[in-house]
Amino acid sequence: MRYMQLYPVTSDYFMPHQFVTYMFLHDTNGWGHIFGNMFGLLIFGPLLERFWGPKRFLFFYFFTGIGAGVLHSGVTYYETSQLRNATEAYIEAPTPTKFVSFISKYASNSYNSLYNFLNDFEENPTSSEYLDYSKRVVAEVFNGRANIPTVGASGAIFGILMAFGLLFPNTEIFLYFLFPIKAKYIVAFYGLYELYAGFGRTPGDSVAHFAHIGGMFFAYILIRYWGSQRNKFY
């Protein structure tokens, strides 16, 4: 896992080949996620493979999967840079108020476990013991966030979903095997949802929404380049 997960480009564990290998790993705690991705590949992949041929389909899969990793890494780099600046600013001038603000923004899941320390720190704002401990906590938050890896085929699968919606927009898909919905509406819904979830991400959300967006974005670019978009497919 150390060599095949996609780590942030600022991490000591990052290696370029991870843009490829991360697509073939999944967290074993999320079997539903694995099933969903492979089910999507099974449902939408064969028709695209017959339409393009196996070589072009394989290229498309890798192109969108790698593109998803690139976009996700770009967003992660920006977020990590912001976090690094906040970490350095706190360590230079630590105060209880700044510590509360930092934890609330970047590690809100740890707020309850730090509750007693926060109260003691506010009562002893000049204590070297509390100041040093708060600096260690802030540094640990940064190191943890800067080394979070990404795994999964979702970026490529969302690329396949985008391709299906562009090439066969009026094909009806039975959502949950009950409700017929045209492919173009499903693609639009997922695209809008991922944008909303990506920009409004809540603390603790471990889904790489921008990888999903990246897969769809690079799929759109490639299909446009190939000139394969059609107005009507059934």
Protein backbone atom coordinates (compact mmCIF):
# COMPACT_ATOMS: atom_id res chain seq x y z
CA MET A 1 0.00 0.00 0.00
CA ARG A 2 2.87 2.41 0.80
CA TYR A 3 4.10 2.24 -2.81
CA MET A 4 0.80 2.04 -4.69
CA GLN A 5 -1.56 4.50 -2.98
CA LEU A 6 -1.63 8.03 -4.36
CA TYR A 7 -0.05 10.30 -1.76
CA PRO A 8 -0.11 14.12 -1.96
CA VAL A 9 2.72 15.42 -4.12
CA THR A 10 4.20 17.19 -1.08
CA SER A 11 4.40 13.92 0.88
CA ASP A 12 7.68 12.06 1.29
CA TYR A 13 5.82 8.93 0.18
CA PHE A 14 4.72 10.31 -3.19
CA MET A 15 6.00 8.66 -6.37
CA PRO A 16 4.82 9.44 -9.94
CA HIS A 17 3.73 5.87 -10.72
CA GLN A 18 1.05 6.21 -8.03
CA PHE A 19 -1.11 8.14 -10.53
CA VAL A 20 -1.65 4.74 -12.19
CA THR A 21 -1.46 2.23 -9.35
CA TYR A 22 -3.94 3.97 -7.04
CA MET A 23 -6.76 3.06 -9.44
CA PHE A 24 -6.32 -0.63 -8.69
CA LEU A 25 -6.54 -0.42 -4.91
CA HIS A 26 -9.53 -0.10 -2.63
CA ASP A 27 -10.05 0.24 1.08
CA THR A 28 -11.26 -3.15 2.30
CA ASN A 29 -13.46 -1.39 4.87
CA GLY A 30 -15.70 -0.18 2.05
CA TRP A 31 -16.89 -3.24 0.16
CA GLY A 32 -19.97 -1.33 -0.95
CA HIS A 33 -17.72 1.20 -2.66
CA ILE A 34 -15.83 -1.53 -4.50
CA PHE A 35 -19.09 -3.15 -5.58
CA GLY A 36 -20.52 0.18 -6.77
CA ASN A 37 -17.46 0.95 -8.88
CA MET A 38 -17.23 -2.49 -10.44
CA PHE A 39 -20.98 -2.60 -11.04
CA GLY A 40 -20.73 0.74 -12.85
CA LEU A 41 -17.86 -0.61 -14.95
CA LEU A 42 -19.90 -3.71 -15.78
CA ILE A 43 -23.02 -1.74 -16.74
CA PHE A 44 -21.51 1.12 -18.77
CA GLY A 45 -18.13 -0.24 -19.84
CA PRO A 46 -19.06 -2.99 -22.36
CA LEU A 47 -21.11 -0.71 -24.63
CA LEU A 48 -18.31 1.87 -24.74
CA GLU A 49 -15.77 -0.86 -25.43
CA ARG A 50 -17.83 -2.15 -28.36
CA PHE A 51 -18.30 1.40 -29.64
CA TRP A 52 -14.63 2.38 -29.44
CA GLY A 53 -12.85 -0.95 -29.56
CA PRO A 54 -10.77 -2.41 -26.70
CA LYS A 55 -7.59 -0.38 -27.30
CA ARG A 56 -9.31 2.99 -27.32
CA PHE A 57 -11.44 2.00 -24.34
CA LEU A 58 -8.34 0.97 -22.38
CA PHE A 59 -6.64 4.27 -23.24
CA PHE A 60 -9.77 6.14 -22.15
CA TYR A 61 -9.88 4.30 -18.83
CA PHE A 62 -6.27 5.12 -18.00
CA PHE A 63 -6.54 8.69 -19.29
CA THR A 64 -9.53 9.54 -17.11
CA GLY A 65 -8.19 7.66 -14.09
CA ILE A 66 -4.84 9.42 -14.25
CA GLY A 67 -6.53 12.74 -14.96
CA ALA A 68 -8.73 12.26 -11.91
CA GLY A 69 -5.61 11.72 -9.79
CA VAL A 70 -3.93 14.80 -11.25
CA LEU A 71 -6.88 17.10 -10.51
CA HIS A 72 -7.31 15.64 -7.03
CA SER A 73 -3.59 16.14 -6.36
CA GLY A 74 -3.80 19.74 -7.52
CA VAL A 75 -6.65 20.47 -5.12
CA THR A 76 -4.84 18.62 -2.33
CA TYR A 77 -1.68 20.63 -3.00
CA TYR A 78 -3.62 23.89 -2.65
CA GLU A 79 -5.31 22.73 0.57
CA THR A 80 -2.02 21.48 2.00
CA SER A 81 -0.35 24.81 1.20
CA GLN A 82 -3.10 26.64 3.05
CA LEU A 83 -2.74 24.29 6.00
CA ARG A 84 1.04 24.70 6.02
CA ASN A 85 0.70 28.48 6.15
CA ALA A 86 -1.79 28.22 9.01
CA THR A 87 0.50 25.78 10.86
CA GLU A 88 3.56 28.00 10.50
CA ALA A 89 1.60 31.08 11.56
CA TYR A 90 0.35 29.34 14.70
CA ILE A 91 3.74 27.96 15.71
CA GLU A 92 5.25 31.44 15.40
CA ALA A 93 2.59 33.04 17.61
CA PRO A 94 0.53 30.48 19.57
CA THR A 95 -2.44 31.56 21.67
CA PRO A 96 -5.48 29.71 23.04
CA THR A 97 -7.81 31.61 20.70
CA LYS A 98 -5.73 30.77 17.64
CA PHE A 99 -5.51 27.13 18.74
CA VAL A 100 -9.29 26.84 19.03
CA SER A 101 -9.67 28.45 15.61
CA PHE A 102 -7.11 26.09 14.05
CA ILE A 103 -8.66 22.94 15.52
CA SER A 104 -12.17 24.04 14.58
CA LYS A 105 -11.14 24.58 10.97
CA TYR A 106 -8.72 21.74 10.32
CA ALA A 107 -9.39 19.05 12.94
CA SER A 108 -12.90 19.50 14.26
CA ASN A 109 -13.21 15.75 14.82
CA SER A 110 -10.58 16.10 17.55
CA TYR A 111 -12.35 18.94 19.32
CA ASN A 112 -14.07 16.78 21.95
CA SER A 113 -10.89 14.89 22.85
CA LEU A 114 -9.08 18.21 23.32
CA TYR A 115 -11.88 19.86 25.28
CA ASN A 116 -10.22 19.63 28.69
CA PHE A 117 -6.89 20.80 27.32
CA LEU A 118 -8.57 23.78 25.64
CA ASN A 119 -10.07 24.87 28.94
CA ASP A 120 -6.77 24.48 30.77
CA PHE A 121 -4.91 26.30 27.99
CA GLU A 122 -7.30 29.25 28.18
CA GLU A 123 -6.69 29.46 31.93
CA ASN A 124 -2.91 29.26 31.44
CA PRO A 125 -2.23 31.06 28.14
CA THR A 126 1.46 31.73 28.89
CA SER A 127 2.35 28.27 30.20
CA SER A 128 5.28 26.87 28.22
CA GLU A 129 3.94 23.34 28.78
CA TYR A 130 0.58 24.14 27.21
CA LEU A 131 2.14 26.21 24.43
CA ASP A 132 4.53 23.40 23.48
CA TYR A 133 1.77 20.79 23.57
CA SER A 134 -0.49 22.92 21.37
CA LYS A 135 2.33 23.29 18.85
CA ARG A 136 2.81 19.51 18.77
CA VAL A 137 -0.91 18.99 18.19
CA VAL A 138 -0.93 21.51 15.33
CA ALA A 139 2.14 19.89 13.77
CA GLU A 140 0.50 16.44 14.04
CA VAL A 141 -2.62 17.73 12.31
CA PHE A 142 -0.52 19.05 9.45
CA ASN A 143 1.56 15.88 9.11
CA GLY A 144 -1.57 13.75 9.17
CA ARG A 145 -3.37 15.79 6.52
CA ALA A 146 -0.24 16.07 4.36
CA ASN A 147 0.10 12.29 4.13
CA ILE A 148 -3.46 11.12 3.51
CA PRO A 149 -3.41 8.72 0.54
CA THR A 150 -6.09 8.19 -2.10
CA VAL A 151 -7.18 4.87 -3.57
CA GLY A 152 -9.99 3.65 -5.80
CA ALA A 153 -11.26 3.40 -9.34
CA SER A 154 -13.94 6.05 -8.89
CA GLY A 155 -12.25 8.67 -11.07
CA ALA A 156 -12.12 6.35 -14.08
CA ILE A 157 -15.65 5.08 -13.39
CA PHE A 158 -17.00 8.64 -13.33
CA GLY A 159 -15.16 9.18 -16.61
CA ILE A 160 -17.00 6.18 -18.07
CA LEU A 161 -20.29 7.55 -16.75
CA MET A 162 -19.60 10.91 -18.41
CA ALA A 163 -18.70 9.20 -21.71
CA PHE A 164 -21.90 7.17 -21.65
CA GLY A 165 -23.97 10.27 -20.99
CA LEU A 166 -22.31 12.19 -23.82
CA LEU A 167 -22.47 9.41 -26.39
CA PHE A 168 -25.82 7.89 -25.43
CA PRO A 169 -27.66 10.77 -23.72
CA ASN A 170 -31.19 9.54 -24.37
CA THR A 171 -30.63 5.94 -23.32
CA GLU A 172 -32.89 5.15 -20.39
CA ILE A 173 -31.31 3.63 -17.31
CA PHE A 174 -33.44 2.02 -14.64
CA LEU A 175 -32.36 3.64 -11.40
CA TYR A 176 -32.52 1.06 -8.62
CA PHE A 177 -34.01 -1.22 -11.28
CA LEU A 178 -37.33 0.65 -10.98
CA PHE A 179 -37.21 4.21 -12.30
CA PRO A 180 -36.27 4.92 -15.94
CA ILE A 181 -34.04 8.02 -16.24
CA LYS A 182 -32.15 9.20 -19.30
CA ALA A 183 -28.38 8.92 -19.06
CA LYS A 184 -27.81 12.66 -19.58
CA TYR A 185 -29.83 13.49 -16.48
CA ILE A 186 -27.93 11.00 -14.33
CA VAL A 187 -24.62 12.47 -15.49
CA ALA A 188 -25.84 16.02 -14.80
CA PHE A 189 -27.04 15.03 -11.33
CA TYR A 190 -23.78 13.33 -10.37
CA GLY A 191 -21.70 16.17 -11.77
CA LEU A 192 -23.60 18.81 -9.82
CA TYR A 193 -23.60 16.73 -6.67
CA GLU A 194 -19.83 16.16 -6.80
CA LEU A 195 -19.23 19.89 -7.31
CA TYR A 196 -21.45 20.68 -4.33
CA ALA A 197 -19.84 18.01 -2.15
CA GLY A 198 -16.32 18.98 -3.23
CA PHE A 199 -16.61 22.69 -2.49
CA GLY A 200 -18.80 22.21 0.58
CA ARG A 201 -16.91 19.26 2.01
CA THR A 202 -17.67 18.65 5.65
CA PRO A 203 -15.01 17.58 8.19
CA GLY A 204 -14.60 13.82 8.18
CA ASP A 205 -15.68 13.40 4.57
CA SER A 206 -13.12 10.95 3.18
CA VAL A 207 -14.51 10.84 -0.37
CA ALA A 208 -12.22 12.32 -3.05
CA HIS A 209 -14.93 14.35 -4.77
CA PHE A 210 -12.49 16.24 -6.97
CA ALA A 211 -11.15 12.93 -8.27
CA HIS A 212 -14.71 12.16 -9.44
CA ILE A 213 -14.94 15.61 -11.02
CA GLY A 214 -11.53 15.10 -12.60
CA GLY A 215 -12.60 11.82 -14.19
CA MET A 216 -15.66 13.48 -15.73
CA PHE A 217 -13.69 16.54 -16.83
CA PHE A 218 -10.94 14.59 -18.57
CA ALA A 219 -13.52 12.31 -20.16
CA TYR A 220 -15.25 15.34 -21.64
CA ILE A 221 -11.96 16.70 -22.99
CA LEU A 222 -10.96 13.40 -24.59
CA ILE A 223 -14.32 12.76 -26.21
CA ARG A 224 -14.33 16.28 -27.60
CA TYR A 225 -10.85 15.69 -28.95
CA TRP A 226 -11.89 12.43 -30.57
CA GLY A 227 -14.89 14.14 -32.10
CA SER A 228 -17.12 11.33 -30.94
CA GLN A 229 -19.95 13.27 -29.36
CA ARG A 230 -23.37 12.65 -30.92
CA ASN A 231 -26.70 14.35 -30.42
CA LYS A 232 -28.78 11.19 -30.36
CA PHE A 233 -27.98 7.61 -29.43
CA TYR A 234 -30.49 5.07 -28.29
